[in-house]
Amino acid sequence: MTDEETDSAYKSIEEKLRLYLGTGCGKTTATFGLSLRAISRGKNVTIVFFDKLEENSSEGPALHFLENANQPHFGNLSVHYTGVNRIGAGPKGSFRFYNSPNGILAEDIKEANRGLSLIREALLRADDLVIADELLNVAHAGLIEWEAVKEILSLRQDPTVIVMTGRNAPEWLKEAASTVSVIDQLKHHGRAIEGLDC
């Protein structure tokens, strides 16, 4: 294959859907790096956190700073947290709502669907990068139907790249993805550390 043919083949492969999967730390952190690269190149980015509240995470102040940076050649960043606080509710202090003694509540479903609406708005705006953090986990737990995820994907238009994170994804979604990265947890120190979180 000539260099010209290689360049042509490379250009024909478009990034449309990226999945960050696995049991290890770093899926959300990877999206922060991706967001930083994108806005630094003038791209418009939306991040929607599912099942995460800003007060339980460390990145909020920095993301809000970038959201309001108004720097020449910067893109726009839009950040949204959705979910219900479940800190300490689950086993070993887990904040995952589906481990809560109360199970899944109507407010959990409402918040998950609010997050989905925010993703939909970003796709209709044709933002360059749309990140749905933990969307795969809330869909797996049943707060969002997989059919709703398919409907969201159908709204994607060039140049938008959608990024979804979570522990796993159904096979049809993996097949639809243009990039799939898996982070396995081989060892963990035991609990979240403020400022490092994972």
C-alpha atoms as a PDB file:
ATOM      1  CA  MET A   1       0.000   0.000   0.000  1.00  0.00           C
ATOM      2  CA  THR A   2       1.376   3.400  -0.984  1.00  0.00           C
ATOM      3  CA  ASP A   3       1.580   6.325   1.449  1.00  0.00           C
ATOM      4  CA  GLU A   4      -1.283   7.980  -0.428  1.00  0.00           C
ATOM      5  CA  GLU A   5      -3.451   4.867  -0.095  1.00  0.00           C
ATOM      6  CA  THR A   6      -2.604   4.595   3.597  1.00  0.00           C
ATOM      7  CA  ASP A   7      -3.557   8.258   4.152  1.00  0.00           C
ATOM      8  CA  SER A   8      -6.815   7.741   2.266  1.00  0.00           C
ATOM      9  CA  ALA A   9      -7.684   4.612   4.265  1.00  0.00           C
ATOM     10  CA  TYR A  10      -6.871   6.385   7.523  1.00  0.00           C
ATOM     11  CA  LYS A  11      -9.070   9.367   6.634  1.00  0.00           C
ATOM     12  CA  SER A  12     -11.998   7.054   5.821  1.00  0.00           C
ATOM     13  CA  ILE A  13     -12.029   5.742   9.411  1.00  0.00           C
ATOM     14  CA  GLU A  14     -14.033   8.285  11.352  1.00  0.00           C
ATOM     15  CA  GLU A  15     -14.307   8.415  15.111  1.00  0.00           C
ATOM     16  CA  LYS A  16     -17.989   8.366  16.029  1.00  0.00           C
ATOM     17  CA  LEU A  17     -18.405   6.467  19.281  1.00  0.00           C
ATOM     18  CA  ARG A  18     -15.766   5.768  21.898  1.00  0.00           C
ATOM     19  CA  LEU A  19     -16.279   3.469  24.888  1.00  0.00           C
ATOM     20  CA  TYR A  20     -14.169   3.459  28.047  1.00  0.00           C
ATOM     21  CA  LEU A  21     -14.982   0.207  29.861  1.00  0.00           C
ATOM     22  CA  GLY A  22     -13.724  -1.954  32.703  1.00  0.00           C
ATOM     23  CA  THR A  23     -13.533  -2.400  36.447  1.00  0.00           C
ATOM     24  CA  GLY A  24     -10.378  -0.311  36.891  1.00  0.00           C
ATOM     25  CA  CYS A  25      -9.884   3.330  37.862  1.00  0.00           C
ATOM     26  CA  GLY A  26      -9.373   5.865  35.105  1.00  0.00           C
ATOM     27  CA  LYS A  27     -12.393   5.796  32.808  1.00  0.00           C
ATOM     28  CA  THR A  28     -13.732   9.181  33.899  1.00  0.00           C
ATOM     29  CA  THR A  29     -10.204  10.522  34.244  1.00  0.00           C
ATOM     30  CA  ALA A  30      -9.548   9.614  30.596  1.00  0.00           C
ATOM     31  CA  THR A  31     -12.534  11.737  29.571  1.00  0.00           C
ATOM     32  CA  PHE A  32     -11.027  14.742  31.378  1.00  0.00           C
ATOM     33  CA  GLY A  33      -7.846  14.453  29.330  1.00  0.00           C
ATOM     34  CA  LEU A  34      -9.868  14.111  26.154  1.00  0.00           C
ATOM     35  CA  SER A  35     -11.966  17.167  27.069  1.00  0.00           C
ATOM     36  CA  LEU A  36      -8.872  19.251  27.791  1.00  0.00           C
ATOM     37  CA  ARG A  37      -7.382  18.381  24.408  1.00  0.00           C
ATOM     38  CA  ALA A  38     -10.632  19.161  22.610  1.00  0.00           C
ATOM     39  CA  ILE A  39     -11.373  22.569  24.154  1.00  0.00           C
ATOM     40  CA  SER A  40      -7.715  23.562  23.714  1.00  0.00           C
ATOM     41  CA  ARG A  41      -8.242  23.009  19.983  1.00  0.00           C
ATOM     42  CA  GLY A  42     -11.395  25.103  19.837  1.00  0.00           C
ATOM     43  CA  LYS A  43     -13.864  22.222  19.991  1.00  0.00           C
ATOM     44  CA  ASN A  44     -17.172  22.399  21.841  1.00  0.00           C
ATOM     45  CA  VAL A  45     -17.512  19.804  24.595  1.00  0.00           C
ATOM     46  CA  THR A  46     -20.411  18.651  26.775  1.00  0.00           C
ATOM     47  CA  ILE A  47     -19.867  16.375  29.786  1.00  0.00           C
ATOM     48  CA  VAL A  48     -22.866  14.814  31.498  1.00  0.00           C
ATOM     49  CA  PHE A  49     -22.168  12.851  34.672  1.00  0.00           C
ATOM     50  CA  PHE A  50     -24.707  10.142  35.435  1.00  0.00           C
ATOM     51  CA  ASP A  51     -25.058   9.019  39.070  1.00  0.00           C
ATOM     52  CA  LYS A  52     -22.467  11.551  40.226  1.00  0.00           C
ATOM     53  CA  LEU A  53     -22.871  14.755  42.173  1.00  0.00           C
ATOM     54  CA  GLU A  54     -20.352  17.569  42.105  1.00  0.00           C
ATOM     55  CA  GLU A  55     -20.009  17.682  45.898  1.00  0.00           C
ATOM     56  CA  ASN A  56     -18.859  14.050  45.870  1.00  0.00           C
ATOM     57  CA  SER A  57     -16.175  14.600  43.213  1.00  0.00           C
ATOM     58  CA  SER A  58     -12.975  16.656  43.091  1.00  0.00           C
ATOM     59  CA  GLU A  59     -12.912  17.971  39.531  1.00  0.00           C
ATOM     60  CA  GLY A  60     -15.826  20.441  39.750  1.00  0.00           C
ATOM     61  CA  PRO A  61     -13.928  23.709  40.438  1.00  0.00           C
ATOM     62  CA  ALA A  62     -11.460  23.089  37.597  1.00  0.00           C
ATOM     63  CA  LEU A  63     -14.217  22.176  35.154  1.00  0.00           C
ATOM     64  CA  HIS A  64     -16.186  25.312  36.081  1.00  0.00           C
ATOM     65  CA  PHE A  65     -13.032  27.392  35.596  1.00  0.00           C
ATOM     66  CA  LEU A  66     -12.636  25.975  32.085  1.00  0.00           C
ATOM     67  CA  GLU A  67     -16.359  26.412  31.464  1.00  0.00           C
ATOM     68  CA  ASN A  68     -15.980  30.157  32.036  1.00  0.00           C
ATOM     69  CA  ALA A  69     -12.437  30.626  30.702  1.00  0.00           C
ATOM     70  CA  ASN A  70     -13.406  32.646  27.586  1.00  0.00           C
ATOM     71  CA  GLN A  71      -9.895  32.283  26.167  1.00  0.00           C
ATOM     72  CA  PRO A  72      -9.101  33.030  22.525  1.00  0.00           C
ATOM     73  CA  HIS A  73      -9.193  29.898  20.387  1.00  0.00           C
ATOM     74  CA  PHE A  74     -10.726  27.845  23.232  1.00  0.00           C
ATOM     75  CA  GLY A  75     -13.830  25.806  22.619  1.00  0.00           C
ATOM     76  CA  ASN A  76     -16.869  25.882  24.882  1.00  0.00           C
ATOM     77  CA  LEU A  77     -17.263  23.452  27.779  1.00  0.00           C
ATOM     78  CA  SER A  78     -20.644  22.566  29.273  1.00  0.00           C
ATOM     79  CA  VAL A  79     -20.700  20.421  32.442  1.00  0.00           C
ATOM     80  CA  HIS A  80     -23.730  18.788  34.090  1.00  0.00           C
ATOM     81  CA  TYR A  81     -24.027  16.500  37.117  1.00  0.00           C
ATOM     82  CA  THR A  82     -27.083  14.260  37.477  1.00  0.00           C
ATOM     83  CA  GLY A  83     -27.972  11.755  40.148  1.00  0.00           C
ATOM     84  CA  VAL A  84     -29.097  11.405  43.737  1.00  0.00           C
ATOM     85  CA  ASN A  85     -26.723  11.383  46.690  1.00  0.00           C
ATOM     86  CA  ARG A  86     -26.307   7.841  48.017  1.00  0.00           C
ATOM     87  CA  ILE A  87     -22.999   8.296  49.895  1.00  0.00           C
ATOM     88  CA  GLY A  88     -22.741   5.610  52.547  1.00  0.00           C
ATOM     89  CA  ALA A  89     -25.985   3.921  51.496  1.00  0.00           C
ATOM     90  CA  GLY A  90     -24.550   0.820  49.874  1.00  0.00           C
ATOM     91  CA  PRO A  91     -22.176  -1.929  50.973  1.00  0.00           C
ATOM     92  CA  LYS A  92     -18.846  -0.591  52.289  1.00  0.00           C
ATOM     93  CA  GLY A  93     -20.063   2.984  51.873  1.00  0.00           C
ATOM     94  CA  SER A  94     -20.759   2.684  48.156  1.00  0.00           C
ATOM     95  CA  PHE A  95     -22.757   5.556  46.697  1.00  0.00           C
ATOM     96  CA  ARG A  96     -24.141   3.522  43.817  1.00  0.00           C
ATOM     97  CA  PHE A  97     -27.913   3.816  44.010  1.00  0.00           C
ATOM     98  CA  TYR A  98     -28.510   0.259  42.836  1.00  0.00           C
ATOM     99  CA  ASN A  99     -26.698  -0.976  45.960  1.00  0.00           C
ATOM    100  CA  SER A 100     -28.873   1.191  48.173  1.00  0.00           C
ATOM    101  CA  PRO A 101     -31.132  -0.544  50.718  1.00  0.00           C
ATOM    102  CA  ASN A 102     -33.997   1.368  49.095  1.00  0.00           C
ATOM    103  CA  GLY A 103     -33.107   0.121  45.629  1.00  0.00           C
ATOM    104  CA  ILE A 104     -33.921   2.287  42.644  1.00  0.00           C
ATOM    105  CA  LEU A 105     -36.259   5.167  43.433  1.00  0.00           C
ATOM    106  CA  ALA A 106     -38.388   7.337  41.146  1.00  0.00           C
ATOM    107  CA  GLU A 107     -35.960  10.230  41.712  1.00  0.00           C
ATOM    108  CA  ASP A 108     -33.089   8.082  40.386  1.00  0.00           C
ATOM    109  CA  ILE A 109     -34.984   7.429  37.158  1.00  0.00           C
ATOM    110  CA  LYS A 110     -35.911  11.103  36.854  1.00  0.00           C
ATOM    111  CA  GLU A 111     -32.287  12.195  37.220  1.00  0.00           C
ATOM    112  CA  ALA A 112     -31.044   9.577  34.743  1.00  0.00           C
ATOM    113  CA  ASN A 113     -33.556  10.774  32.173  1.00  0.00           C
ATOM    114  CA  ARG A 114     -32.572  14.394  32.823  1.00  0.00           C
ATOM    115  CA  GLY A 115     -29.005  13.384  31.989  1.00  0.00           C
ATOM    116  CA  LEU A 116     -30.198  11.723  28.806  1.00  0.00           C
ATOM    117  CA  SER A 117     -32.039  14.934  27.826  1.00  0.00           C
ATOM    118  CA  LEU A 118     -28.818  16.909  28.288  1.00  0.00           C
ATOM    119  CA  ILE A 119     -26.980  14.474  26.012  1.00  0.00           C
ATOM    120  CA  ARG A 120     -29.765  14.812  23.446  1.00  0.00           C
ATOM    121  CA  GLU A 121     -29.479  18.630  23.514  1.00  0.00           C
ATOM    122  CA  ALA A 122     -25.716  18.456  22.991  1.00  0.00           C
ATOM    123  CA  LEU A 123     -26.150  16.118  20.027  1.00  0.00           C
ATOM    124  CA  LEU A 124     -28.776  18.345  18.454  1.00  0.00           C
ATOM    125  CA  ARG A 125     -26.324  21.265  18.816  1.00  0.00           C
ATOM    126  CA  ALA A 126     -23.719  19.043  17.114  1.00  0.00           C
ATOM    127  CA  ASP A 127     -21.112  19.637  19.821  1.00  0.00           C
ATOM    128  CA  ASP A 128     -17.757  18.194  18.786  1.00  0.00           C
ATOM    129  CA  LEU A 129     -17.395  15.959  21.846  1.00  0.00           C
ATOM    130  CA  VAL A 130     -20.286  14.649  23.954  1.00  0.00           C
ATOM    131  CA  ILE A 131     -19.338  12.630  27.029  1.00  0.00           C
ATOM    132  CA  ALA A 132     -21.890  10.456  28.837  1.00  0.00           C
ATOM    133  CA  ASP A 133     -20.004   9.437  31.975  1.00  0.00           C
ATOM    134  CA  GLU A 134     -21.421   6.304  33.671  1.00  0.00           C
ATOM    135  CA  LEU A 135     -24.332   6.161  31.217  1.00  0.00           C
ATOM    136  CA  LEU A 136     -23.566   2.488  30.597  1.00  0.00           C
ATOM    137  CA  ASN A 137     -23.923   1.705  34.302  1.00  0.00           C
ATOM    138  CA  VAL A 138     -27.276   3.444  34.690  1.00  0.00           C
ATOM    139  CA  ALA A 139     -28.568   1.679  31.582  1.00  0.00           C
ATOM    140  CA  HIS A 140     -27.328  -1.665  32.906  1.00  0.00           C
ATOM    141  CA  ALA A 141     -29.126  -0.955  36.202  1.00  0.00           C
ATOM    142  CA  GLY A 142     -32.359  -0.298  34.300  1.00  0.00           C
ATOM    143  CA  LEU A 143     -32.755   3.439  34.902  1.00  0.00           C
ATOM    144  CA  ILE A 144     -32.514   4.046  31.168  1.00  0.00           C
ATOM    145  CA  GLU A 145     -33.709   1.637  28.501  1.00  0.00           C
ATOM    146  CA  TRP A 146     -31.145   0.452  25.976  1.00  0.00           C
ATOM    147  CA  GLU A 147     -33.608   1.528  23.268  1.00  0.00           C
ATOM    148  CA  ALA A 148     -33.197   5.096  24.550  1.00  0.00           C
ATOM    149  CA  VAL A 149     -29.430   4.723  24.180  1.00  0.00           C
ATOM    150  CA  LYS A 150     -29.940   3.580  20.576  1.00  0.00           C
ATOM    151  CA  GLU A 151     -32.167   6.584  19.939  1.00  0.00           C
ATOM    152  CA  ILE A 152     -29.466   8.890  21.312  1.00  0.00           C
ATOM    153  CA  LEU A 153     -26.870   7.320  19.013  1.00  0.00           C
ATOM    154  CA  SER A 154     -29.140   7.896  16.020  1.00  0.00           C
ATOM    155  CA  LEU A 155     -29.005  11.658  16.710  1.00  0.00           C
ATOM    156  CA  ARG A 156     -25.225  11.802  16.280  1.00  0.00           C
ATOM    157  CA  GLN A 157     -24.084  13.778  13.268  1.00  0.00           C
ATOM    158  CA  ASP A 158     -20.647  14.721  12.029  1.00  0.00           C
ATOM    159  CA  PRO A 159     -18.383  15.995  13.499  1.00  0.00           C
ATOM    160  CA  THR A 160     -19.668  14.816  16.896  1.00  0.00           C
ATOM    161  CA  VAL A 161     -17.825  12.100  18.778  1.00  0.00           C
ATOM    162  CA  ILE A 162     -19.794  10.450  21.587  1.00  0.00           C
ATOM    163  CA  VAL A 163     -17.911   8.975  24.548  1.00  0.00           C
ATOM    164  CA  MET A 164     -19.618   6.626  27.000  1.00  0.00           C
ATOM    165  CA  THR A 165     -18.117   5.141  30.139  1.00  0.00           C
ATOM    166  CA  GLY A 166     -19.087   2.282  32.421  1.00  0.00           C
ATOM    167  CA  ARG A 167     -18.038  -1.149  33.535  1.00  0.00           C
ATOM    168  CA  ASN A 168     -19.380  -2.940  30.476  1.00  0.00           C
ATOM    169  CA  ALA A 169     -21.452  -2.518  27.336  1.00  0.00           C
ATOM    170  CA  PRO A 170     -23.694  -4.841  25.330  1.00  0.00           C
ATOM    171  CA  GLU A 171     -22.119  -6.471  22.295  1.00  0.00           C
ATOM    172  CA  TRP A 172     -24.168  -4.424  19.814  1.00  0.00           C
ATOM    173  CA  LEU A 173     -22.764  -1.234  21.323  1.00  0.00           C
ATOM    174  CA  LYS A 174     -19.194  -2.518  21.231  1.00  0.00           C
ATOM    175  CA  GLU A 175     -19.664  -3.403  17.571  1.00  0.00           C
ATOM    176  CA  ALA A 176     -21.062   0.063  16.822  1.00  0.00           C
ATOM    177  CA  ALA A 177     -18.121   1.790  18.545  1.00  0.00           C
ATOM    178  CA  SER A 178     -15.154   3.087  16.570  1.00  0.00           C
ATOM    179  CA  THR A 179     -12.884   2.853  19.639  1.00  0.00           C
ATOM    180  CA  VAL A 180     -13.175   0.611  22.709  1.00  0.00           C
ATOM    181  CA  SER A 181     -10.701   0.849  25.598  1.00  0.00           C
ATOM    182  CA  VAL A 182     -10.831  -1.426  28.640  1.00  0.00           C
ATOM    183  CA  ILE A 183      -9.241  -0.609  32.002  1.00  0.00           C
ATOM    184  CA  ASP A 184      -8.872  -3.670  34.224  1.00  0.00           C
ATOM    185  CA  GLN A 185      -8.344  -3.417  37.965  1.00  0.00           C
ATOM    186  CA  LEU A 186      -5.428  -5.617  38.985  1.00  0.00           C
ATOM    187  CA  LYS A 187      -4.973  -4.019  42.425  1.00  0.00           C
ATOM    188  CA  HIS A 188      -6.647  -1.233  44.417  1.00  0.00           C
ATOM    189  CA  HIS A 189      -5.498   0.604  47.543  1.00  0.00           C
ATOM    190  CA  GLY A 190      -8.924   0.253  49.154  1.00  0.00           C
ATOM    191  CA  ARG A 191     -10.912   3.471  49.139  1.00  0.00           C
ATOM    192  CA  ALA A 192     -11.350   6.808  47.400  1.00  0.00           C
ATOM    193  CA  ILE A 193      -8.833   9.554  48.234  1.00  0.00           C
ATOM    194  CA  GLU A 194      -9.969  13.172  48.037  1.00  0.00           C
ATOM    195  CA  GLY A 195      -8.302  14.833  45.088  1.00  0.00           C
ATOM    196  CA  LEU A 196      -7.579  11.463  43.496  1.00  0.00           C
ATOM    197  CA  ASP A 197     -11.093  10.067  44.052  1.00  0.00           C
ATOM    198  CA  CYS A 198     -10.482   6.543  42.779  1.00  0.00           C
END
